[in-house]
Amino acid sequence: MGTIMRRKLTGQDSSGRSAFAGNPNPLLRDCDVRQARIKRWVTTLLILMVPVSLWIGATAHSDQQQRLEDQKNSIHQVTATTTAVAESVPAVSTELGASGAAATAVDSRWVYRGVEHTGRVSVDTGSPAGTTTQIWVDNSGDLSMRPLTSSDVVAASIFNAIGSWVLVASVLIGAYQLMRFRYDGRRDAEWDREIADLLRRH
């Protein structure tokens, strides 16, 4: 038993060589050393990912800022006038208007560069014919989505920066936890074998 315990405490195997050469704690197992090494790698990668995420955010900001500048010349605001009453519709088809009230799409007309256009525009439900509202159109005078704002550009850059770091962190930490689970099982199995071996010997 003295020989067995001495080998356990000194970390030596049957060949007399240290199983954990250079390791300050001879009680650590090989899987303990590997787990600690992988943990350091994960931590290092997470730190290195910070400037990469900042670069991704800066790139997204530049791209979105360019889109904003392009939209200043391609999307324009005009006034549309409804040509019918915005009658109530089933709730499933109802949207929210600019005022926060229920809105309904209704036939409207607007003029862009001297040319009259028609289409369906959302206004507050119950609005009479002749109601005016601001809409966005493209260079052809057709309805368009609202252009980007400076707040949208900032939000996109922050989302890309933080999102990229969180994504990588989730993968790395998930992989580490999976590895840790496997090593925990291996450690438990080794302890069970060694305890059983000691009981058989004594």
N, C-alpha and C. Protein backbone atom coordinates (compact mmCIF):
# COMPACT_ATOMS: atom_id res chain seq x y z
N MET A 1 0.83 -1.21 0.00
CA MET A 1 0.00 0.00 0.00
C MET A 1 0.86 1.25 0.00
N GLY A 2 2.02 1.18 0.74
CA GLY A 2 2.91 2.34 0.78
C GLY A 2 3.42 2.70 -0.59
N THR A 3 3.75 1.67 -1.40
CA THR A 3 4.23 1.93 -2.77
C THR A 3 3.15 2.56 -3.62
N ILE A 4 1.92 2.04 -3.49
CA ILE A 4 0.81 2.58 -4.29
C ILE A 4 0.55 4.03 -3.94
N MET A 5 0.47 4.34 -2.63
CA MET A 5 0.20 5.71 -2.21
C MET A 5 1.32 6.64 -2.63
N ARG A 6 2.57 6.13 -2.56
CA ARG A 6 3.70 6.97 -2.95
C ARG A 6 3.61 7.32 -4.43
N ARG A 7 3.21 6.36 -5.25
CA ARG A 7 3.07 6.63 -6.68
C ARG A 7 1.94 7.63 -6.93
N LYS A 8 0.86 7.51 -6.14
CA LYS A 8 -0.25 8.45 -6.32
C LYS A 8 0.19 9.86 -5.97
N LEU A 9 0.94 9.99 -4.88
CA LEU A 9 1.32 11.31 -4.40
C LEU A 9 2.43 11.93 -5.23
N THR A 10 3.27 11.12 -5.82
CA THR A 10 4.37 11.66 -6.62
C THR A 10 4.03 11.75 -8.09
N GLY A 11 2.89 11.14 -8.50
CA GLY A 11 2.48 11.21 -9.90
C GLY A 11 3.29 10.32 -10.80
N GLN A 12 3.92 9.25 -10.29
CA GLN A 12 4.72 8.36 -11.10
C GLN A 12 3.92 7.14 -11.50
N ASP A 13 4.17 6.67 -12.74
CA ASP A 13 3.51 5.46 -13.19
C ASP A 13 4.42 4.27 -12.92
N SER A 14 4.04 3.10 -13.46
CA SER A 14 4.78 1.87 -13.16
C SER A 14 6.19 1.91 -13.73
N SER A 15 6.46 2.74 -14.72
CA SER A 15 7.79 2.82 -15.31
C SER A 15 8.70 3.75 -14.54
N GLY A 16 8.15 4.40 -13.52
CA GLY A 16 8.96 5.29 -12.69
C GLY A 16 9.07 6.69 -13.25
N ARG A 17 8.42 6.97 -14.40
CA ARG A 17 8.48 8.31 -14.98
C ARG A 17 7.29 9.12 -14.50
N SER A 18 7.47 10.40 -14.36
CA SER A 18 6.37 11.26 -13.92
C SER A 18 5.36 11.39 -15.04
N ALA A 19 4.08 11.19 -14.71
CA ALA A 19 3.02 11.33 -15.71
C ALA A 19 2.70 12.79 -15.97
N PHE A 20 3.14 13.66 -15.08
CA PHE A 20 2.83 15.08 -15.22
C PHE A 20 4.12 15.88 -15.05
N ALA A 21 5.09 15.56 -15.86
CA ALA A 21 6.38 16.23 -15.76
C ALA A 21 6.21 17.73 -15.94
N GLY A 22 6.84 18.50 -15.06
CA GLY A 22 6.76 19.95 -15.14
C GLY A 22 5.52 20.51 -14.48
N ASN A 23 4.61 19.69 -14.02
CA ASN A 23 3.39 20.16 -13.38
C ASN A 23 3.65 20.37 -11.89
N PRO A 24 3.37 21.56 -11.32
CA PRO A 24 3.67 21.84 -9.92
C PRO A 24 2.85 21.02 -8.94
N ASN A 25 1.71 20.52 -9.36
CA ASN A 25 0.85 19.74 -8.46
C ASN A 25 0.83 18.29 -8.93
N PRO A 26 1.52 17.39 -8.23
CA PRO A 26 1.60 15.99 -8.68
C PRO A 26 0.28 15.25 -8.56
N LEU A 27 -0.70 15.81 -7.84
CA LEU A 27 -1.98 15.14 -7.68
C LEU A 27 -2.90 15.36 -8.89
N LEU A 28 -2.55 16.31 -9.74
CA LEU A 28 -3.38 16.57 -10.92
C LEU A 28 -3.28 15.42 -11.91
N ARG A 29 -4.40 15.07 -12.49
CA ARG A 29 -4.42 14.03 -13.49
C ARG A 29 -4.17 14.64 -14.87
N ASP A 30 -3.95 13.76 -15.82
CA ASP A 30 -3.68 14.22 -17.19
C ASP A 30 -4.87 15.01 -17.73
N CYS A 31 -6.10 14.56 -17.45
CA CYS A 31 -7.27 15.28 -17.94
C CYS A 31 -7.41 16.64 -17.28
N ASP A 32 -6.94 16.76 -16.01
CA ASP A 32 -6.97 18.06 -15.34
C ASP A 32 -6.07 19.06 -16.06
N VAL A 33 -4.89 18.59 -16.43
CA VAL A 33 -3.94 19.45 -17.12
C VAL A 33 -4.49 19.86 -18.48
N ARG A 34 -5.06 18.91 -19.21
CA ARG A 34 -5.62 19.22 -20.52
C ARG A 34 -6.78 20.20 -20.41
N GLN A 35 -7.64 20.00 -19.42
CA GLN A 35 -8.78 20.89 -19.25
C GLN A 35 -8.32 22.31 -18.94
N ALA A 36 -7.32 22.44 -18.07
CA ALA A 36 -6.81 23.77 -17.74
C ALA A 36 -6.20 24.44 -18.96
N ARG A 37 -5.50 23.65 -19.79
CA ARG A 37 -4.89 24.20 -21.00
C ARG A 37 -5.96 24.68 -21.98
N ILE A 38 -7.00 23.87 -22.16
CA ILE A 38 -8.08 24.26 -23.07
C ILE A 38 -8.80 25.50 -22.55
N LYS A 39 -8.97 25.59 -21.23
CA LYS A 39 -9.62 26.77 -20.65
C LYS A 39 -8.82 28.03 -20.94
N ARG A 40 -7.49 27.92 -20.86
CA ARG A 40 -6.64 29.07 -21.18
C ARG A 40 -6.78 29.45 -22.65
N TRP A 41 -6.85 28.45 -23.52
CA TRP A 41 -7.03 28.73 -24.94
C TRP A 41 -8.35 29.45 -25.20
N VAL A 42 -9.41 28.97 -24.58
CA VAL A 42 -10.72 29.59 -24.76
C VAL A 42 -10.70 31.04 -24.28
N THR A 43 -10.11 31.26 -23.11
CA THR A 43 -10.03 32.62 -22.57
C THR A 43 -9.23 33.53 -23.50
N THR A 44 -8.11 33.01 -24.01
CA THR A 44 -7.28 33.80 -24.93
C THR A 44 -8.04 34.15 -26.20
N LEU A 45 -8.75 33.18 -26.75
CA LEU A 45 -9.51 33.42 -27.98
C LEU A 45 -10.62 34.45 -27.76
N LEU A 46 -11.27 34.40 -26.60
CA LEU A 46 -12.32 35.36 -26.30
C LEU A 46 -11.75 36.78 -26.21
N ILE A 47 -10.55 36.89 -25.63
CA ILE A 47 -9.92 38.21 -25.55
C ILE A 47 -9.51 38.70 -26.93
N LEU A 48 -8.94 37.80 -27.74
CA LEU A 48 -8.52 38.18 -29.09
C LEU A 48 -9.72 38.53 -29.97
N MET A 49 -10.89 37.99 -29.64
CA MET A 49 -12.08 38.24 -30.44
C MET A 49 -12.61 39.66 -30.24
N VAL A 50 -12.22 40.33 -29.15
CA VAL A 50 -12.72 41.67 -28.88
C VAL A 50 -12.36 42.65 -30.00
N PRO A 51 -11.06 42.78 -30.37
CA PRO A 51 -10.75 43.70 -31.47
C PRO A 51 -11.36 43.27 -32.80
N VAL A 52 -11.50 41.96 -33.00
CA VAL A 52 -12.12 41.48 -34.24
C VAL A 52 -13.59 41.91 -34.29
N SER A 53 -14.28 41.80 -33.16
CA SER A 53 -15.68 42.22 -33.10
C SER A 53 -15.82 43.72 -33.31
N LEU A 54 -14.88 44.48 -32.75
CA LEU A 54 -14.90 45.93 -32.97
C LEU A 54 -14.71 46.26 -34.44
N TRP A 55 -13.83 45.51 -35.11
CA TRP A 55 -13.62 45.72 -36.54
C TRP A 55 -14.88 45.38 -37.33
N ILE A 56 -15.55 44.30 -36.95
CA ILE A 56 -16.81 43.93 -37.62
C ILE A 56 -17.85 45.02 -37.43
N GLY A 57 -17.93 45.56 -36.20
CA GLY A 57 -18.88 46.64 -35.95
C GLY A 57 -18.55 47.89 -36.75
N ALA A 58 -17.25 48.21 -36.84
CA ALA A 58 -16.85 49.40 -37.61
C ALA A 58 -17.15 49.22 -39.10
N THR A 59 -16.94 48.00 -39.60
CA THR A 59 -17.24 47.72 -41.01
C THR A 59 -18.74 47.85 -41.27
N ALA A 60 -19.55 47.32 -40.35
CA ALA A 60 -21.01 47.43 -40.50
C ALA A 60 -21.44 48.89 -40.46
N HIS A 61 -20.81 49.67 -39.59
CA HIS A 61 -21.15 51.10 -39.50
C HIS A 61 -20.83 51.81 -40.82
N SER A 62 -19.68 51.48 -41.39
CA SER A 62 -19.29 52.09 -42.67
C SER A 62 -20.26 51.72 -43.78
N ASP A 63 -20.65 50.44 -43.84
CA ASP A 63 -21.58 49.98 -44.87
C ASP A 63 -22.95 50.64 -44.72
N GLN A 64 -23.45 50.68 -43.49
CA GLN A 64 -24.76 51.27 -43.26
C GLN A 64 -24.74 52.78 -43.50
N GLN A 65 -23.63 53.42 -43.17
CA GLN A 65 -23.52 54.85 -43.41
C GLN A 65 -23.55 55.14 -44.91
N GLN A 66 -22.92 54.26 -45.69
CA GLN A 66 -22.95 54.42 -47.15
C GLN A 66 -24.36 54.24 -47.68
N ARG A 67 -25.09 53.27 -47.13
CA ARG A 67 -26.49 53.08 -47.53
C ARG A 67 -27.32 54.31 -47.20
N LEU A 68 -27.08 54.88 -46.03
CA LEU A 68 -27.82 56.08 -45.63
C LEU A 68 -27.57 57.21 -46.62
N GLU A 69 -26.31 57.40 -47.01
CA GLU A 69 -25.98 58.46 -47.96
C GLU A 69 -26.63 58.20 -49.32
N ASP A 70 -26.63 56.94 -49.74
CA ASP A 70 -27.26 56.60 -51.03
C ASP A 70 -28.76 56.85 -50.99
N GLN A 71 -29.39 56.53 -49.86
CA GLN A 71 -30.83 56.70 -49.76
C GLN A 71 -31.25 58.16 -49.72
N LYS A 72 -30.34 59.04 -49.31
CA LYS A 72 -30.67 60.46 -49.32
C LYS A 72 -30.98 60.96 -50.73
N ASN A 73 -30.38 60.29 -51.72
CA ASN A 73 -30.59 60.69 -53.11
C ASN A 73 -31.59 59.81 -53.85
N SER A 74 -32.06 58.75 -53.19
CA SER A 74 -32.95 57.82 -53.90
C SER A 74 -34.31 57.66 -53.23
N ILE A 75 -34.47 58.12 -52.00
CA ILE A 75 -35.75 58.02 -51.30
C ILE A 75 -36.17 59.41 -50.85
N HIS A 76 -37.41 59.77 -51.15
CA HIS A 76 -37.88 61.14 -50.91
C HIS A 76 -39.23 61.11 -50.19
N GLN A 77 -39.48 62.16 -49.43
CA GLN A 77 -40.74 62.25 -48.70
C GLN A 77 -41.70 63.19 -49.43
N VAL A 78 -42.93 62.72 -49.62
CA VAL A 78 -43.96 63.53 -50.26
C VAL A 78 -45.25 63.40 -49.46
N THR A 79 -46.23 64.21 -49.82
CA THR A 79 -47.52 64.18 -49.14
C THR A 79 -48.54 63.43 -49.98
N ALA A 80 -49.17 62.44 -49.37
CA ALA A 80 -50.22 61.68 -50.05
C ALA A 80 -51.57 62.10 -49.51
N THR A 81 -52.58 62.07 -50.39
CA THR A 81 -53.95 62.43 -50.01
C THR A 81 -54.86 61.24 -50.27
N THR A 82 -55.61 60.85 -49.26
CA THR A 82 -56.50 59.70 -49.43
C THR A 82 -57.68 60.07 -50.32
N THR A 83 -58.16 59.08 -51.06
CA THR A 83 -59.31 59.31 -51.96
C THR A 83 -60.53 58.51 -51.51
N ALA A 84 -60.44 57.89 -50.35
CA ALA A 84 -61.57 57.12 -49.82
C ALA A 84 -61.51 57.15 -48.30
N VAL A 85 -62.61 56.77 -47.68
CA VAL A 85 -62.67 56.71 -46.22
C VAL A 85 -61.91 55.48 -45.73
N ALA A 86 -61.13 55.65 -44.68
CA ALA A 86 -60.39 54.52 -44.10
C ALA A 86 -61.33 53.74 -43.19
N GLU A 87 -62.08 52.85 -43.79
CA GLU A 87 -63.08 52.10 -43.03
C GLU A 87 -62.42 51.05 -42.15
N SER A 88 -63.13 50.69 -41.09
CA SER A 88 -62.63 49.69 -40.16
C SER A 88 -62.55 48.34 -40.84
N VAL A 89 -61.49 47.58 -40.52
CA VAL A 89 -61.29 46.25 -41.08
C VAL A 89 -61.09 45.28 -39.94
N PRO A 90 -61.18 43.95 -40.19
CA PRO A 90 -60.94 42.97 -39.12
C PRO A 90 -59.60 43.21 -38.44
N ALA A 91 -59.55 42.93 -37.15
CA ALA A 91 -58.35 43.20 -36.36
C ALA A 91 -57.11 42.53 -36.92
N VAL A 92 -57.28 41.36 -37.55
CA VAL A 92 -56.12 40.64 -38.07
C VAL A 92 -55.44 41.41 -39.18
N SER A 93 -56.17 42.33 -39.86
CA SER A 93 -55.59 43.09 -40.97
C SER A 93 -55.23 44.51 -40.57
N THR A 94 -55.43 44.85 -39.33
CA THR A 94 -55.21 46.21 -38.87
C THR A 94 -53.76 46.42 -38.45
N GLU A 95 -53.19 47.58 -38.82
CA GLU A 95 -51.84 47.94 -38.43
C GLU A 95 -51.92 49.12 -37.47
N LEU A 96 -50.75 49.64 -37.09
CA LEU A 96 -50.69 50.83 -36.26
C LEU A 96 -50.19 51.99 -37.10
N GLY A 97 -50.89 53.10 -37.04
CA GLY A 97 -50.50 54.27 -37.80
C GLY A 97 -49.43 55.06 -37.08
N ALA A 98 -49.07 56.22 -37.66
CA ALA A 98 -48.02 57.05 -37.10
C ALA A 98 -48.38 57.55 -35.71
N SER A 99 -49.67 57.73 -35.43
CA SER A 99 -50.10 58.23 -34.13
C SER A 99 -50.21 57.13 -33.09
N GLY A 100 -50.02 55.87 -33.50
CA GLY A 100 -50.14 54.76 -32.58
C GLY A 100 -51.51 54.14 -32.58
N ALA A 101 -52.48 54.78 -33.27
CA ALA A 101 -53.83 54.23 -33.36
C ALA A 101 -53.89 53.18 -34.45
N ALA A 102 -55.00 52.44 -34.49
CA ALA A 102 -55.17 51.43 -35.53
C ALA A 102 -55.17 52.12 -36.89
N ALA A 103 -54.51 51.48 -37.86
CA ALA A 103 -54.38 52.08 -39.19
C ALA A 103 -54.93 51.14 -40.24
N THR A 104 -55.39 51.73 -41.34
CA THR A 104 -55.95 50.97 -42.44
C THR A 104 -55.36 51.47 -43.75
N ALA A 105 -55.02 50.55 -44.64
CA ALA A 105 -54.52 50.94 -45.96
C ALA A 105 -55.70 51.38 -46.82
N VAL A 106 -55.56 52.55 -47.44
CA VAL A 106 -56.65 53.11 -48.22
C VAL A 106 -56.09 53.71 -49.51
N ASP A 107 -56.92 53.75 -50.57
CA ASP A 107 -56.48 54.32 -51.84
C ASP A 107 -56.10 55.79 -51.65
N SER A 108 -54.96 56.16 -52.23
CA SER A 108 -54.47 57.53 -52.09
C SER A 108 -53.78 57.96 -53.38
N ARG A 109 -53.48 59.24 -53.46
CA ARG A 109 -52.72 59.75 -54.60
C ARG A 109 -51.69 60.75 -54.09
N TRP A 110 -50.62 60.89 -54.85
CA TRP A 110 -49.57 61.85 -54.52
C TRP A 110 -48.87 62.26 -55.81
N VAL A 111 -48.17 63.36 -55.74
CA VAL A 111 -47.47 63.90 -56.90
C VAL A 111 -45.98 63.96 -56.61
N TYR A 112 -45.20 63.42 -57.55
CA TYR A 112 -43.74 63.49 -57.41
C TYR A 112 -43.15 63.94 -58.75
N ARG A 113 -42.43 65.03 -58.72
CA ARG A 113 -41.82 65.62 -59.91
C ARG A 113 -42.86 65.87 -61.00
N GLY A 114 -44.01 66.36 -60.56
CA GLY A 114 -45.05 66.74 -61.50
C GLY A 114 -45.89 65.60 -62.04
N VAL A 115 -45.61 64.38 -61.61
CA VAL A 115 -46.36 63.22 -62.09
C VAL A 115 -47.20 62.67 -60.94
N GLU A 116 -48.50 62.45 -61.23
CA GLU A 116 -49.39 61.92 -60.19
C GLU A 116 -49.27 60.40 -60.12
N HIS A 117 -49.23 59.89 -58.89
CA HIS A 117 -49.15 58.45 -58.64
C HIS A 117 -50.29 58.06 -57.70
N THR A 118 -50.67 56.80 -57.77
CA THR A 118 -51.71 56.29 -56.88
C THR A 118 -51.23 55.00 -56.22
N GLY A 119 -51.84 54.72 -55.08
CA GLY A 119 -51.49 53.51 -54.35
C GLY A 119 -52.25 53.47 -53.04
N ARG A 120 -51.98 52.45 -52.26
CA ARG A 120 -52.65 52.31 -50.97
C ARG A 120 -51.68 52.73 -49.87
N VAL A 121 -52.16 53.64 -49.03
CA VAL A 121 -51.35 54.22 -47.96
C VAL A 121 -52.05 54.00 -46.63
N SER A 122 -51.30 53.73 -45.58
CA SER A 122 -51.88 53.51 -44.25
C SER A 122 -52.15 54.83 -43.55
N VAL A 123 -53.38 54.98 -43.07
CA VAL A 123 -53.78 56.14 -42.26
C VAL A 123 -54.60 55.62 -41.09
N ASP A 124 -54.87 56.49 -40.12
CA ASP A 124 -55.66 56.07 -38.97
C ASP A 124 -57.05 55.61 -39.42
N THR A 125 -57.49 54.50 -38.86
CA THR A 125 -58.81 53.97 -39.20
C THR A 125 -59.89 55.01 -38.89
N GLY A 126 -60.81 55.19 -39.84
CA GLY A 126 -61.88 56.16 -39.67
C GLY A 126 -61.58 57.52 -40.27
N SER A 127 -60.35 57.69 -40.79
CA SER A 127 -60.00 58.98 -41.39
C SER A 127 -60.83 59.21 -42.65
N PRO A 128 -61.34 60.43 -42.85
CA PRO A 128 -62.17 60.70 -44.04
C PRO A 128 -61.33 60.83 -45.30
N ALA A 129 -61.99 60.79 -46.43
CA ALA A 129 -61.31 61.03 -47.70
C ALA A 129 -60.73 62.44 -47.68
N GLY A 130 -59.56 62.61 -48.26
CA GLY A 130 -58.90 63.90 -48.26
C GLY A 130 -57.88 64.06 -47.14
N THR A 131 -57.73 63.01 -46.33
CA THR A 131 -56.73 63.04 -45.26
C THR A 131 -55.33 63.00 -45.88
N THR A 132 -54.44 63.82 -45.36
CA THR A 132 -53.07 63.85 -45.89
C THR A 132 -52.11 63.17 -44.91
N THR A 133 -51.09 62.56 -45.45
CA THR A 133 -50.07 61.90 -44.64
C THR A 133 -48.75 61.89 -45.40
N GLN A 134 -47.66 61.85 -44.68
CA GLN A 134 -46.34 61.84 -45.30
C GLN A 134 -45.94 60.40 -45.64
N ILE A 135 -45.43 60.21 -46.85
CA ILE A 135 -44.99 58.89 -47.29
C ILE A 135 -43.60 59.01 -47.91
N TRP A 136 -42.98 57.87 -48.15
CA TRP A 136 -41.66 57.83 -48.79
C TRP A 136 -41.79 57.18 -50.15
N VAL A 137 -41.13 57.77 -51.15
CA VAL A 137 -41.16 57.23 -52.51
C VAL A 137 -39.74 57.17 -53.06
N ASP A 138 -39.55 56.31 -54.09
CA ASP A 138 -38.24 56.22 -54.72
C ASP A 138 -38.15 57.21 -55.88
N ASN A 139 -37.10 57.12 -56.66
CA ASN A 139 -36.90 58.08 -57.75
C ASN A 139 -37.96 57.96 -58.84
N SER A 140 -38.67 56.83 -58.86
CA SER A 140 -39.74 56.65 -59.84
C SER A 140 -41.08 57.14 -59.32
N GLY A 141 -41.11 57.53 -58.06
CA GLY A 141 -42.36 57.98 -57.46
C GLY A 141 -43.17 56.87 -56.84
N ASP A 142 -42.65 55.65 -56.84
CA ASP A 142 -43.36 54.52 -56.23
C ASP A 142 -43.09 54.47 -54.73
N LEU A 143 -44.04 53.88 -54.01
CA LEU A 143 -43.89 53.77 -52.56
C LEU A 143 -42.60 53.04 -52.19
N SER A 144 -41.97 53.49 -51.12
CA SER A 144 -40.71 52.90 -50.68
C SER A 144 -40.72 52.79 -49.16
N MET A 145 -39.81 51.98 -48.64
CA MET A 145 -39.65 51.87 -47.20
C MET A 145 -39.00 53.14 -46.65
N ARG A 146 -39.20 53.38 -45.37
CA ARG A 146 -38.56 54.52 -44.71
C ARG A 146 -37.04 54.38 -44.82
N PRO A 147 -36.33 55.45 -45.14
CA PRO A 147 -34.87 55.36 -45.25
C PRO A 147 -34.21 55.17 -43.89
N LEU A 148 -32.96 54.77 -43.93
CA LEU A 148 -32.21 54.60 -42.69
C LEU A 148 -32.00 55.95 -42.00
N THR A 149 -31.83 55.89 -40.70
CA THR A 149 -31.49 57.08 -39.92
C THR A 149 -30.13 56.86 -39.25
N SER A 150 -29.59 57.91 -38.67
CA SER A 150 -28.30 57.79 -37.97
C SER A 150 -28.41 56.79 -36.83
N SER A 151 -29.57 56.75 -36.18
CA SER A 151 -29.78 55.79 -35.08
C SER A 151 -29.74 54.36 -35.60
N ASP A 152 -30.30 54.14 -36.80
CA ASP A 152 -30.26 52.81 -37.40
C ASP A 152 -28.83 52.37 -37.67
N VAL A 153 -28.01 53.30 -38.14
CA VAL A 153 -26.61 53.00 -38.45
C VAL A 153 -25.86 52.60 -37.18
N VAL A 154 -26.05 53.37 -36.12
CA VAL A 154 -25.38 53.07 -34.85
C VAL A 154 -25.86 51.73 -34.29
N ALA A 155 -27.17 51.51 -34.34
CA ALA A 155 -27.73 50.26 -33.82
C ALA A 155 -27.18 49.05 -34.58
N ALA A 156 -27.05 49.18 -35.90
CA ALA A 156 -26.54 48.07 -36.71
C ALA A 156 -25.09 47.76 -36.37
N SER A 157 -24.28 48.80 -36.17
CA SER A 157 -22.87 48.57 -35.84
C SER A 157 -22.72 47.92 -34.47
N ILE A 158 -23.51 48.37 -33.50
CA ILE A 158 -23.45 47.78 -32.16
C ILE A 158 -23.91 46.33 -32.19
N PHE A 159 -25.00 46.08 -32.92
CA PHE A 159 -25.53 44.71 -33.01
C PHE A 159 -24.50 43.78 -33.63
N ASN A 160 -23.84 44.21 -34.70
CA ASN A 160 -22.85 43.36 -35.36
C ASN A 160 -21.63 43.13 -34.47
N ALA A 161 -21.19 44.16 -33.76
CA ALA A 161 -20.02 44.01 -32.90
C ALA A 161 -20.31 43.06 -31.74
N ILE A 162 -21.38 43.34 -31.02
CA ILE A 162 -21.71 42.49 -29.86
C ILE A 162 -22.17 41.11 -30.32
N GLY A 163 -22.97 41.07 -31.38
CA GLY A 163 -23.49 39.79 -31.85
C GLY A 163 -22.39 38.84 -32.29
N SER A 164 -21.37 39.36 -32.98
CA SER A 164 -20.28 38.50 -33.44
C SER A 164 -19.50 37.93 -32.26
N TRP A 165 -19.27 38.77 -31.23
CA TRP A 165 -18.53 38.28 -30.05
C TRP A 165 -19.35 37.24 -29.30
N VAL A 166 -20.64 37.51 -29.12
CA VAL A 166 -21.50 36.58 -28.39
C VAL A 166 -21.60 35.25 -29.13
N LEU A 167 -21.67 35.31 -30.46
CA LEU A 167 -21.76 34.07 -31.25
C LEU A 167 -20.52 33.21 -31.05
N VAL A 168 -19.34 33.83 -31.18
CA VAL A 168 -18.09 33.08 -31.01
C VAL A 168 -17.97 32.58 -29.57
N ALA A 169 -18.33 33.43 -28.60
CA ALA A 169 -18.25 33.04 -27.19
C ALA A 169 -19.17 31.86 -26.91
N SER A 170 -20.35 31.86 -27.50
CA SER A 170 -21.29 30.75 -27.28
C SER A 170 -20.72 29.44 -27.79
N VAL A 171 -20.08 29.49 -28.96
CA VAL A 171 -19.50 28.27 -29.54
C VAL A 171 -18.33 27.77 -28.69
N LEU A 172 -17.43 28.69 -28.32
CA LEU A 172 -16.25 28.29 -27.55
C LEU A 172 -16.63 27.78 -26.16
N ILE A 173 -17.49 28.53 -25.48
CA ILE A 173 -17.88 28.12 -24.13
C ILE A 173 -18.69 26.83 -24.17
N GLY A 174 -19.54 26.69 -25.19
CA GLY A 174 -20.30 25.45 -25.33
C GLY A 174 -19.39 24.25 -25.54
N ALA A 175 -18.37 24.43 -26.39
CA ALA A 175 -17.42 23.35 -26.64
C ALA A 175 -16.63 23.02 -25.37
N TYR A 176 -16.26 24.06 -24.62
CA TYR A 176 -15.52 23.84 -23.38
C TYR A 176 -16.37 23.08 -22.35
N GLN A 177 -17.63 23.47 -22.23
CA GLN A 177 -18.51 22.79 -21.28
C GLN A 177 -18.72 21.33 -21.66
N LEU A 178 -18.82 21.06 -22.96
CA LEU A 178 -18.96 19.68 -23.41
C LEU A 178 -17.71 18.87 -23.07
N MET A 179 -16.54 19.48 -23.32
CA MET A 179 -15.29 18.81 -22.99
C MET A 179 -15.18 18.60 -21.48
N ARG A 180 -15.59 19.59 -20.71
CA ARG A 180 -15.53 19.48 -19.25
C ARG A 180 -16.43 18.35 -18.75
N PHE A 181 -17.60 18.22 -19.36
CA PHE A 181 -18.52 17.14 -18.98
C PHE A 181 -17.88 15.78 -19.22
N ARG A 182 -17.20 15.64 -20.36
CA ARG A 182 -16.55 14.37 -20.68
C ARG A 182 -15.40 14.09 -19.72
N TYR A 183 -14.61 15.12 -19.40
CA TYR A 183 -13.50 14.94 -18.47
C TYR A 183 -13.99 14.63 -17.06
N ASP A 184 -15.11 15.23 -16.66
CA ASP A 184 -15.67 14.92 -15.34
C ASP A 184 -16.04 13.44 -15.26
N GLY A 185 -16.65 12.95 -16.33
CA GLY A 185 -16.99 11.53 -16.36
C GLY A 185 -15.76 10.64 -16.31
N ARG A 186 -14.70 11.07 -17.00
CA ARG A 186 -13.46 10.30 -17.00
C ARG A 186 -12.82 10.30 -15.61
N ARG A 187 -12.84 11.47 -14.94
CA ARG A 187 -12.27 11.53 -13.59
C ARG A 187 -13.03 10.64 -12.62
N ASP A 188 -14.36 10.68 -12.71
CA ASP A 188 -15.17 9.84 -11.82
C ASP A 188 -14.88 8.36 -12.05
N ALA A 189 -14.74 8.00 -13.33
CA ALA A 189 -14.46 6.59 -13.64
C ALA A 189 -13.09 6.18 -13.11
N GLU A 190 -12.10 7.07 -13.21
CA GLU A 190 -10.76 6.75 -12.71
C GLU A 190 -10.77 6.60 -11.20
N TRP A 191 -11.49 7.51 -10.52
CA TRP A 191 -11.58 7.38 -9.07
C TRP A 191 -12.25 6.07 -8.68
N ASP A 192 -13.31 5.70 -9.37
CA ASP A 192 -14.01 4.44 -9.06
C ASP A 192 -13.08 3.25 -9.24
N ARG A 193 -12.30 3.25 -10.33
CA ARG A 193 -11.39 2.13 -10.58
C ARG A 193 -10.30 2.05 -9.50
N GLU A 194 -9.75 3.20 -9.12
CA GLU A 194 -8.67 3.19 -8.15
C GLU A 194 -9.16 2.81 -6.75
N ILE A 195 -10.37 3.29 -6.40
CA ILE A 195 -10.92 2.91 -5.10
C ILE A 195 -11.21 1.41 -5.07
N ALA A 196 -11.77 0.90 -6.17
CA ALA A 196 -12.05 -0.53 -6.24
C ALA A 196 -10.75 -1.33 -6.17
N ASP A 197 -9.69 -0.83 -6.80
CA ASP A 197 -8.40 -1.51 -6.78
C ASP A 197 -7.83 -1.54 -5.37
N LEU A 198 -7.94 -0.42 -4.65
CA LEU A 198 -7.46 -0.37 -3.27
C LEU A 198 -8.23 -1.33 -2.37
N LEU A 199 -9.55 -1.40 -2.58
CA LEU A 199 -10.37 -2.30 -1.76
C LEU A 199 -10.01 -3.76 -2.02
N ARG A 200 -9.70 -4.09 -3.28
CA ARG A 200 -9.32 -5.47 -3.58
C ARG A 200 -7.98 -5.83 -2.94
N ARG A 201 -7.08 -4.86 -2.90
CA ARG A 201 -5.75 -5.12 -2.35
C ARG A 201 -5.77 -5.21 -0.83
N HIS A 202 -6.79 -4.61 -0.21
CA HIS A 202 -6.84 -4.61 1.25
C HIS A 202 -8.17 -5.18 1.72
